[in-house]
Amino acid sequence: MTARVAGVLLDEADTRLVVGVLDTLAVLTRQRGQRLRPDVVALRKRLTDAAAAPDVSASEPVPDSLFHSVYDTERSYEDTRSAARMLGITPHGVRHLLRTGRLEGHRHAGTWYVDRDSLIERTRQCRLPS
C-alpha cells in the first residue's frame, strides 16, 4: 500500500526562515494596529514546534516514487545560455521559445531550465532542409 503524502517538506533552516518571516509580518501588522489571523498564528506555532523537534519522523517511510515525482531524475536540463549556444540564438530567444511552448523546460527561482531532449529535438528540426 502506498502512503499519500500531502504537504510541504521544509528543512530546519527553511522552517526558521518562514518563522522569521511570520514574525516580521506580525510586527508590521501590529504597527498598522491589526493582528495576524488565528490560522497564521497557529501555523507559526506548528512550525516553531517542528523546528524544536526536527528528529520527528513520518509514521511510514516516504516512498521513492514521491521523490521521483518531485525531482525528475531521468531528465537533464540546460540553462538558457547553454541552450542558446546549441541553437545559435540568444538567451532571450530561448526564453521566448520556452514561454511560447516551442521548447520544453521549467522555471525555478527566476531561472529557466531547458529540457535537454527537447533542446536536441529542436536542434534537429532547425538543421533539417526545408
Protein backbone atom coordinates (compact mmCIF):
# COMPACT_ATOMS: atom_id res chain seq x y z
CA MET A 1 0.00 0.00 0.00
CA THR A 2 1.39 3.39 -0.99
CA ALA A 3 1.01 6.23 1.50
CA ARG A 4 -0.01 9.56 0.08
CA VAL A 5 1.96 12.47 1.46
CA ALA A 6 0.28 15.85 1.42
CA GLY A 7 2.10 18.96 2.49
CA VAL A 8 5.41 20.71 2.22
CA LEU A 9 8.73 19.35 3.41
CA LEU A 10 10.95 22.02 4.96
CA ASP A 11 14.38 21.53 6.41
CA GLU A 12 15.23 23.14 9.75
CA ALA A 13 16.80 26.25 8.19
CA ASP A 14 13.80 26.88 5.91
CA THR A 15 11.44 26.40 8.85
CA ARG A 16 13.33 29.02 10.84
CA LEU A 17 13.25 31.34 7.83
CA VAL A 18 9.45 31.02 7.47
CA VAL A 19 9.01 31.61 11.23
CA GLY A 20 11.17 34.74 10.91
CA VAL A 21 9.07 35.99 8.00
CA LEU A 22 5.90 35.39 10.02
CA ASP A 23 7.44 37.28 12.97
CA THR A 24 8.26 40.22 10.70
CA LEU A 25 4.74 40.12 9.31
CA ALA A 26 3.36 40.17 12.86
CA VAL A 27 5.42 43.28 13.69
CA LEU A 28 4.29 45.09 10.54
CA THR A 29 0.69 44.09 11.19
CA ARG A 30 0.87 45.40 14.79
CA GLN A 31 2.30 48.69 13.51
CA ARG A 32 -0.88 49.07 11.47
CA GLY A 33 -2.99 48.41 14.55
CA GLN A 34 -4.05 44.93 13.41
CA ARG A 35 -3.34 41.32 14.35
CA LEU A 36 -2.43 38.21 12.41
CA ARG A 37 -5.26 35.82 11.65
CA PRO A 38 -5.54 32.95 14.13
CA ASP A 39 -4.66 30.35 11.47
CA VAL A 40 -1.40 32.20 10.70
CA VAL A 41 -0.55 32.33 14.43
CA ALA A 42 -1.30 28.59 14.67
CA LEU A 43 0.91 27.89 11.63
CA ARG A 44 3.78 29.80 13.24
CA LYS A 45 3.39 27.72 16.42
CA ARG A 46 3.37 24.43 14.48
CA LEU A 47 6.50 25.47 12.59
CA THR A 48 8.24 26.56 15.80
CA ASP A 49 7.35 23.25 17.46
CA ALA A 50 8.57 21.31 14.42
CA ALA A 51 11.88 23.22 14.39
CA ALA A 52 12.34 22.44 18.09
CA ALA A 53 11.97 18.69 17.44
CA PRO A 54 13.49 18.15 13.98
CA ASP A 55 14.17 14.47 14.55
CA VAL A 56 10.46 13.59 14.42
CA SER A 57 9.95 11.17 11.56
CA ALA A 58 6.98 10.14 9.46
CA SER A 59 4.93 7.22 10.71
CA GLU A 60 5.56 5.40 7.42
CA PRO A 61 8.57 5.57 5.14
CA VAL A 62 8.24 8.04 2.29
CA PRO A 63 8.00 6.10 -1.00
CA ASP A 64 10.74 6.63 -3.58
CA SER A 65 8.06 7.40 -6.15
CA LEU A 66 7.28 10.62 -4.28
CA PHE A 67 10.81 11.89 -4.81
CA HIS A 68 10.76 10.88 -8.46
CA SER A 69 7.55 12.86 -8.94
CA VAL A 70 9.11 15.92 -7.31
CA TYR A 71 12.58 15.66 -8.79
CA ASP A 72 12.74 14.49 -12.37
CA THR A 73 15.89 12.40 -12.07
CA GLU A 74 15.55 10.85 -15.51
CA ARG A 75 15.87 14.09 -17.44
CA SER A 76 18.69 16.54 -17.72
CA TYR A 77 18.41 20.27 -18.23
CA GLU A 78 20.47 23.10 -19.67
CA ASP A 79 20.39 26.75 -18.68
CA THR A 80 19.34 29.34 -21.25
CA ARG A 81 22.92 30.36 -22.06
CA SER A 82 23.93 26.79 -22.94
CA ALA A 83 20.71 26.24 -24.86
CA ALA A 84 21.29 29.46 -26.80
CA ARG A 85 24.76 28.28 -27.84
CA MET A 86 23.35 24.95 -29.01
CA LEU A 87 20.59 26.62 -31.03
CA GLY A 88 22.68 29.51 -32.32
CA ILE A 89 20.34 32.13 -30.87
CA THR A 90 20.36 34.49 -27.89
CA PRO A 91 19.30 33.50 -24.36
CA HIS A 92 16.35 35.89 -24.82
CA GLY A 93 15.32 33.85 -27.88
CA VAL A 94 15.47 30.65 -25.81
CA ARG A 95 13.25 32.21 -23.14
CA HIS A 96 10.80 33.23 -25.86
CA LEU A 97 10.68 29.66 -27.18
CA LEU A 98 10.06 28.40 -23.63
CA ARG A 99 7.29 30.91 -22.92
CA THR A 100 5.52 30.10 -26.20
CA GLY A 101 5.77 26.35 -25.64
CA ARG A 102 8.01 25.64 -28.63
CA LEU A 103 10.70 24.39 -26.28
CA GLU A 104 10.11 22.34 -23.12
CA GLY A 105 11.51 23.40 -19.79
CA HIS A 106 10.64 24.85 -16.44
CA ARG A 107 11.35 27.94 -14.42
CA HIS A 108 12.73 27.71 -10.91
CA ALA A 109 13.70 30.67 -8.73
CA GLY A 110 13.57 33.02 -11.71
CA THR A 111 15.83 30.88 -13.92
CA TRP A 112 14.69 28.89 -16.93
CA TYR A 113 15.94 25.33 -17.41
CA VAL A 114 15.55 23.75 -20.82
CA ASP A 115 14.76 20.05 -21.15
CA ARG A 116 17.80 18.56 -22.93
CA ASP A 117 15.73 16.12 -25.02
CA SER A 118 13.50 18.97 -26.21
CA LEU A 119 16.59 21.03 -26.98
CA ILE A 120 18.16 18.23 -29.04
CA GLU A 121 14.90 17.75 -30.96
CA ARG A 122 14.66 21.49 -31.65
CA THR A 123 18.28 21.49 -32.86
CA ARG A 124 17.46 18.64 -35.28
CA GLN A 125 14.40 20.47 -36.59
CA CYS A 126 16.42 23.61 -37.23
CA ARG A 127 19.00 21.67 -39.23
CA LEU A 128 16.52 19.85 -41.48
CA PRO A 129 16.42 21.23 -45.02
CA SER A 130 13.12 22.94 -45.87
